[in-house]
Amino acid sequence: MSLWLAIIGMGLITYAIRLSFVLLGERGQGPAVFRRGLKFVPTAVLSAIILPELLQPGGTLDISLGNARLLAGLVAALVAWRTQNVLGTIGAGMGVLWVLEIIG
């Protein structure tokens, strides 16, 4: 029972935090430094999700040339940097990953 109460409580707190930004509108934007910092949140979250899978594909650290996911991720990062095209980045990364998995 305490587990369910904790889950429900955390859900309510999360919902209240998100709702506060909607309800407060312009008044709840906070200082300029806070708003500038929020621009980096998506990049930080995606990095936290993606990098462990690129560097530890089987649960162990693998930064060798045999790590197909790392190589595909590097190609995708290069394409993203040069083109700033989301679909091109995804296509290049997935294409390289598929080719490396087929030949490897």
C-alpha atoms as a PDB file:
ATOM      1  CA  MET A   1       0.000   0.000   0.000  1.00  0.00           C
ATOM      2  CA  SER A   2       2.815   2.435   0.812  1.00  0.00           C
ATOM      3  CA  LEU A   3       4.330   1.847  -2.639  1.00  0.00           C
ATOM      4  CA  TRP A   4       1.073   2.870  -4.312  1.00  0.00           C
ATOM      5  CA  LEU A   5       0.788   5.942  -2.108  1.00  0.00           C
ATOM      6  CA  ALA A   6       4.329   6.947  -3.043  1.00  0.00           C
ATOM      7  CA  ILE A   7       3.630   6.493  -6.770  1.00  0.00           C
ATOM      8  CA  ILE A   8       0.385   8.461  -6.596  1.00  0.00           C
ATOM      9  CA  GLY A   9       2.011  11.187  -4.496  1.00  0.00           C
ATOM     10  CA  MET A  10       4.921  11.587  -6.922  1.00  0.00           C
ATOM     11  CA  GLY A  11       2.492  11.692  -9.830  1.00  0.00           C
ATOM     12  CA  LEU A  12       0.463  14.436  -8.166  1.00  0.00           C
ATOM     13  CA  ILE A  13       3.578  16.464  -7.370  1.00  0.00           C
ATOM     14  CA  THR A  14       4.837  16.137 -10.951  1.00  0.00           C
ATOM     15  CA  TYR A  15       1.446  17.152 -12.309  1.00  0.00           C
ATOM     16  CA  ALA A  16       1.276  20.146  -9.947  1.00  0.00           C
ATOM     17  CA  ILE A  17       4.711  21.361 -11.025  1.00  0.00           C
ATOM     18  CA  ARG A  18       3.790  21.154 -14.704  1.00  0.00           C
ATOM     19  CA  LEU A  19       0.410  22.756 -14.131  1.00  0.00           C
ATOM     20  CA  SER A  20       1.972  25.648 -12.223  1.00  0.00           C
ATOM     21  CA  PHE A  21       3.769  26.864 -15.372  1.00  0.00           C
ATOM     22  CA  VAL A  22       0.470  26.889 -17.272  1.00  0.00           C
ATOM     23  CA  LEU A  23      -1.521  28.599 -14.540  1.00  0.00           C
ATOM     24  CA  LEU A  24       1.063  31.228 -13.656  1.00  0.00           C
ATOM     25  CA  GLY A  25       1.691  32.239 -17.271  1.00  0.00           C
ATOM     26  CA  GLU A  26       3.898  35.281 -17.637  1.00  0.00           C
ATOM     27  CA  ARG A  27       4.198  35.795 -13.869  1.00  0.00           C
ATOM     28  CA  GLY A  28       5.760  32.371 -13.314  1.00  0.00           C
ATOM     29  CA  GLN A  29       8.575  32.531 -15.831  1.00  0.00           C
ATOM     30  CA  GLY A  30      11.214  33.300 -13.238  1.00  0.00           C
ATOM     31  CA  PRO A  31      14.494  35.160 -13.648  1.00  0.00           C
ATOM     32  CA  ALA A  32      16.201  35.478 -17.034  1.00  0.00           C
ATOM     33  CA  VAL A  33      19.037  33.164 -15.995  1.00  0.00           C
ATOM     34  CA  PHE A  34      16.461  30.457 -15.225  1.00  0.00           C
ATOM     35  CA  ARG A  35      14.807  30.857 -18.636  1.00  0.00           C
ATOM     36  CA  ARG A  36      18.181  30.718 -20.416  1.00  0.00           C
ATOM     37  CA  GLY A  37      19.048  27.542 -18.511  1.00  0.00           C
ATOM     38  CA  LEU A  38      15.794  25.885 -19.551  1.00  0.00           C
ATOM     39  CA  LYS A  39      16.936  26.005 -23.181  1.00  0.00           C
ATOM     40  CA  PHE A  40      19.567  23.371 -22.363  1.00  0.00           C
ATOM     41  CA  VAL A  41      17.203  20.895 -20.701  1.00  0.00           C
ATOM     42  CA  PRO A  42      16.205  18.962 -23.863  1.00  0.00           C
ATOM     43  CA  THR A  43      19.848  18.511 -24.876  1.00  0.00           C
ATOM     44  CA  ALA A  44      20.812  17.344 -21.397  1.00  0.00           C
ATOM     45  CA  VAL A  45      17.919  14.885 -21.181  1.00  0.00           C
ATOM     46  CA  LEU A  46      18.567  13.395 -24.624  1.00  0.00           C
ATOM     47  CA  SER A  47      22.268  13.065 -23.821  1.00  0.00           C
ATOM     48  CA  ALA A  48      21.476  11.284 -20.564  1.00  0.00           C
ATOM     49  CA  ILE A  49      19.256   8.827 -22.419  1.00  0.00           C
ATOM     50  CA  ILE A  50      21.393   8.225 -25.515  1.00  0.00           C
ATOM     51  CA  LEU A  51      25.029   8.274 -24.341  1.00  0.00           C
ATOM     52  CA  PRO A  52      24.833   5.275 -21.977  1.00  0.00           C
ATOM     53  CA  GLU A  53      23.375   3.170 -24.795  1.00  0.00           C
ATOM     54  CA  LEU A  54      26.118   4.282 -27.188  1.00  0.00           C
ATOM     55  CA  LEU A  55      28.972   3.727 -24.757  1.00  0.00           C
ATOM     56  CA  GLN A  56      27.618   0.631 -22.960  1.00  0.00           C
ATOM     57  CA  PRO A  57      25.630  -1.375 -25.533  1.00  0.00           C
ATOM     58  CA  GLY A  58      25.809  -4.644 -23.598  1.00  0.00           C
ATOM     59  CA  GLY A  59      26.047  -3.154 -20.134  1.00  0.00           C
ATOM     60  CA  THR A  60      29.842  -2.889 -20.264  1.00  0.00           C
ATOM     61  CA  LEU A  61      31.901   0.070 -21.459  1.00  0.00           C
ATOM     62  CA  ASP A  62      32.892  -0.348 -25.122  1.00  0.00           C
ATOM     63  CA  ILE A  63      34.631   2.553 -26.838  1.00  0.00           C
ATOM     64  CA  SER A  64      36.278   0.451 -29.549  1.00  0.00           C
ATOM     65  CA  LEU A  65      35.804   0.500 -33.317  1.00  0.00           C
ATOM     66  CA  GLY A  66      33.801  -2.712 -32.915  1.00  0.00           C
ATOM     67  CA  ASN A  67      30.981  -0.814 -31.196  1.00  0.00           C
ATOM     68  CA  ALA A  68      28.531  -0.280 -34.072  1.00  0.00           C
ATOM     69  CA  ARG A  69      26.230   1.914 -32.006  1.00  0.00           C
ATOM     70  CA  LEU A  70      29.023   4.282 -31.071  1.00  0.00           C
ATOM     71  CA  LEU A  71      30.173   4.589 -34.685  1.00  0.00           C
ATOM     72  CA  ALA A  72      26.620   5.183 -35.889  1.00  0.00           C
ATOM     73  CA  GLY A  73      26.134   7.767 -33.144  1.00  0.00           C
ATOM     74  CA  LEU A  74      29.297   9.588 -34.187  1.00  0.00           C
ATOM     75  CA  VAL A  75      28.158   9.641 -37.824  1.00  0.00           C
ATOM     76  CA  ALA A  76      24.737  10.923 -36.745  1.00  0.00           C
ATOM     77  CA  ALA A  77      26.359  13.641 -34.628  1.00  0.00           C
ATOM     78  CA  LEU A  78      28.511  14.714 -37.574  1.00  0.00           C
ATOM     79  CA  VAL A  79      25.493  14.836 -39.913  1.00  0.00           C
ATOM     80  CA  ALA A  80      23.504  16.809 -37.311  1.00  0.00           C
ATOM     81  CA  TRP A  81      26.326  19.284 -36.880  1.00  0.00           C
ATOM     82  CA  ARG A  82      26.859  19.805 -40.615  1.00  0.00           C
ATOM     83  CA  THR A  83      23.265  19.776 -41.881  1.00  0.00           C
ATOM     84  CA  GLN A  84      21.059  20.569 -38.856  1.00  0.00           C
ATOM     85  CA  ASN A  85      18.494  18.252 -40.468  1.00  0.00           C
ATOM     86  CA  VAL A  86      16.688  15.954 -38.023  1.00  0.00           C
ATOM     87  CA  LEU A  87      15.469  13.427 -40.592  1.00  0.00           C
ATOM     88  CA  GLY A  88      18.870  13.321 -42.270  1.00  0.00           C
ATOM     89  CA  THR A  89      20.531  12.743 -38.918  1.00  0.00           C
ATOM     90  CA  ILE A  90      18.202   9.887 -38.012  1.00  0.00           C
ATOM     91  CA  GLY A  91      18.516   8.362 -41.476  1.00  0.00           C
ATOM     92  CA  ALA A  92      22.310   8.542 -41.484  1.00  0.00           C
ATOM     93  CA  GLY A  93      22.640   7.095 -37.985  1.00  0.00           C
ATOM     94  CA  MET A  94      20.192   4.258 -38.584  1.00  0.00           C
ATOM     95  CA  GLY A  95      21.672   3.511 -42.021  1.00  0.00           C
ATOM     96  CA  VAL A  96      25.195   3.250 -40.635  1.00  0.00           C
ATOM     97  CA  LEU A  97      23.985   1.117 -37.718  1.00  0.00           C
ATOM     98  CA  TRP A  98      22.163  -1.294 -40.029  1.00  0.00           C
ATOM     99  CA  VAL A  99      25.121  -1.605 -42.389  1.00  0.00           C
ATOM    100  CA  LEU A 100      27.567  -2.188 -39.518  1.00  0.00           C
ATOM    101  CA  GLU A 101      25.281  -4.813 -37.954  1.00  0.00           C
ATOM    102  CA  ILE A 102      24.902  -6.622 -41.284  1.00  0.00           C
ATOM    103  CA  ILE A 103      28.633  -6.738 -42.035  1.00  0.00           C
ATOM    104  CA  GLY A 104      29.708  -7.194 -38.437  1.00  0.00           C
END
